[in-house]
């Protein structure tokens, strides 16, 4: 296991980089969902486990859930995506 600490892009930089966050089936784990993050150039940047992300977001009003998940993801884009 690495001792490297993950650092995240600033929110504003993530907004300028991310084009879409798609909920998809994890092809490596049946019956699991992931959130795949794509750049504005339609390049896959990273992904998040759907259930873990919902747990991290916590309880929110159903009407606010999509925005809460989006904000969580945009605040947790690892800086290594700039190397892709």
C-alpha atoms as a PDB file:
ATOM      1  CA  UNK A   1       0.000   0.000   0.000  1.00  0.00           C
ATOM      2  CA  UNK A   2       1.280   3.447  -0.871  1.00  0.00           C
ATOM      3  CA  UNK A   3       1.782   6.221   1.640  1.00  0.00           C
ATOM      4  CA  UNK A   4       1.048   8.797  -1.052  1.00  0.00           C
ATOM      5  CA  UNK A   5      -1.718  11.130  -0.012  1.00  0.00           C
ATOM      6  CA  UNK A   6      -4.341  11.823  -2.651  1.00  0.00           C
ATOM      7  CA  UNK A   7      -4.729  15.469  -3.474  1.00  0.00           C
ATOM      8  CA  UNK A   8      -7.752  16.842  -5.254  1.00  0.00           C
ATOM      9  CA  UNK A   9      -8.221  19.493  -7.874  1.00  0.00           C
ATOM     10  CA  UNK A  10      -9.757  22.758  -6.745  1.00  0.00           C
ATOM     11  CA  UNK A  11     -13.520  22.802  -7.389  1.00  0.00           C
ATOM     12  CA  UNK A  12     -13.254  25.515 -10.059  1.00  0.00           C
ATOM     13  CA  UNK A  13     -10.589  23.571 -11.952  1.00  0.00           C
ATOM     14  CA  UNK A  14     -12.711  20.404 -11.773  1.00  0.00           C
ATOM     15  CA  UNK A  15     -15.730  22.260 -13.176  1.00  0.00           C
ATOM     16  CA  UNK A  16     -13.646  23.432 -16.124  1.00  0.00           C
ATOM     17  CA  UNK A  17     -12.325  19.923 -16.791  1.00  0.00           C
ATOM     18  CA  UNK A  18     -15.348  17.657 -16.193  1.00  0.00           C
ATOM     19  CA  UNK A  19     -17.869  17.295 -18.977  1.00  0.00           C
ATOM     20  CA  UNK A  20     -20.078  14.553 -17.539  1.00  0.00           C
ATOM     21  CA  UNK A  21     -20.616  12.252 -14.584  1.00  0.00           C
ATOM     22  CA  UNK A  22     -22.353   9.064 -15.707  1.00  0.00           C
ATOM     23  CA  UNK A  23     -23.858   6.344 -13.550  1.00  0.00           C
ATOM     24  CA  UNK A  24     -22.874   3.029 -15.138  1.00  0.00           C
ATOM     25  CA  UNK A  25     -22.650  -0.673 -14.414  1.00  0.00           C
ATOM     26  CA  UNK A  26     -19.235  -1.808 -13.209  1.00  0.00           C
ATOM     27  CA  UNK A  27     -18.152  -4.285 -15.886  1.00  0.00           C
ATOM     28  CA  UNK A  28     -15.740  -5.972 -13.478  1.00  0.00           C
ATOM     29  CA  UNK A  29     -18.256  -6.438 -10.644  1.00  0.00           C
ATOM     30  CA  UNK A  30     -21.767  -7.528 -11.595  1.00  0.00           C
ATOM     31  CA  UNK A  31     -24.639  -5.755  -9.812  1.00  0.00           C
ATOM     32  CA  UNK A  32     -22.378  -2.853  -8.804  1.00  0.00           C
ATOM     33  CA  UNK A  33     -22.751   0.720 -10.006  1.00  0.00           C
ATOM     34  CA  UNK A  34     -20.035   3.297 -10.556  1.00  0.00           C
ATOM     35  CA  UNK A  35     -19.949   6.976 -11.393  1.00  0.00           C
ATOM     36  CA  UNK A  36     -17.597   7.488 -14.322  1.00  0.00           C
ATOM     37  CA  UNK A  37     -16.204  10.984 -14.787  1.00  0.00           C
ATOM     38  CA  UNK A  38     -15.555  12.175 -18.341  1.00  0.00           C
ATOM     39  CA  UNK A  39     -13.711  15.244 -19.548  1.00  0.00           C
ATOM     40  CA  UNK A  40     -15.257  17.841 -21.831  1.00  0.00           C
ATOM     41  CA  UNK A  41     -13.349  16.048 -24.609  1.00  0.00           C
ATOM     42  CA  UNK A  42     -15.240  12.827 -23.705  1.00  0.00           C
ATOM     43  CA  UNK A  43     -12.166  11.167 -22.197  1.00  0.00           C
ATOM     44  CA  UNK A  44     -12.611   8.942 -19.139  1.00  0.00           C
ATOM     45  CA  UNK A  45     -10.861  10.580 -16.201  1.00  0.00           C
ATOM     46  CA  UNK A  46     -11.721   8.518 -13.119  1.00  0.00           C
ATOM     47  CA  UNK A  47     -14.572   6.707 -11.415  1.00  0.00           C
ATOM     48  CA  UNK A  48     -16.259   6.505  -8.025  1.00  0.00           C
ATOM     49  CA  UNK A  49     -18.052   3.582  -6.393  1.00  0.00           C
ATOM     50  CA  UNK A  50     -21.731   4.564  -6.428  1.00  0.00           C
ATOM     51  CA  UNK A  51     -22.637   3.150  -2.993  1.00  0.00           C
ATOM     52  CA  UNK A  52     -19.525   4.571  -1.316  1.00  0.00           C
ATOM     53  CA  UNK A  53     -20.252   7.981  -2.824  1.00  0.00           C
ATOM     54  CA  UNK A  54     -23.858   7.935  -1.611  1.00  0.00           C
ATOM     55  CA  UNK A  55     -22.652   6.969   1.864  1.00  0.00           C
ATOM     56  CA  UNK A  56     -20.116   9.815   1.856  1.00  0.00           C
ATOM     57  CA  UNK A  57     -22.767  12.302   0.740  1.00  0.00           C
ATOM     58  CA  UNK A  58     -25.058  11.140   3.525  1.00  0.00           C
ATOM     59  CA  UNK A  59     -28.750  11.740   3.941  1.00  0.00           C
ATOM     60  CA  UNK A  60     -30.078  14.488   1.692  1.00  0.00           C
ATOM     61  CA  UNK A  61     -33.489  15.343   0.347  1.00  0.00           C
ATOM     62  CA  UNK A  62     -34.263  13.203  -2.720  1.00  0.00           C
ATOM     63  CA  UNK A  63     -34.715  16.332  -4.821  1.00  0.00           C
ATOM     64  CA  UNK A  64     -31.194  17.490  -3.845  1.00  0.00           C
ATOM     65  CA  UNK A  65     -29.423  14.123  -4.160  1.00  0.00           C
ATOM     66  CA  UNK A  66     -28.195  14.505  -7.755  1.00  0.00           C
ATOM     67  CA  UNK A  67     -26.674  17.917  -7.027  1.00  0.00           C
ATOM     68  CA  UNK A  68     -25.142  16.682  -3.754  1.00  0.00           C
ATOM     69  CA  UNK A  69     -23.492  13.717  -5.509  1.00  0.00           C
ATOM     70  CA  UNK A  70     -22.252  15.974  -8.309  1.00  0.00           C
ATOM     71  CA  UNK A  71     -20.745  18.425  -5.827  1.00  0.00           C
ATOM     72  CA  UNK A  72     -19.094  15.593  -3.894  1.00  0.00           C
ATOM     73  CA  UNK A  73     -17.528  14.193  -7.068  1.00  0.00           C
ATOM     74  CA  UNK A  74     -16.349  17.608  -8.279  1.00  0.00           C
ATOM     75  CA  UNK A  75     -14.686  18.217  -4.919  1.00  0.00           C
ATOM     76  CA  UNK A  76     -12.914  14.834  -5.063  1.00  0.00           C
ATOM     77  CA  UNK A  77     -11.362  14.714  -8.544  1.00  0.00           C
ATOM     78  CA  UNK A  78      -7.790  13.505  -7.968  1.00  0.00           C
ATOM     79  CA  UNK A  79      -5.073  15.770  -9.344  1.00  0.00           C
ATOM     80  CA  UNK A  80      -3.503  12.871 -11.249  1.00  0.00           C
ATOM     81  CA  UNK A  81      -6.283  13.150 -13.867  1.00  0.00           C
ATOM     82  CA  UNK A  82      -4.277  16.030 -15.342  1.00  0.00           C
ATOM     83  CA  UNK A  83      -1.648  13.471 -16.378  1.00  0.00           C
ATOM     84  CA  UNK A  84      -4.104  11.439 -18.459  1.00  0.00           C
END
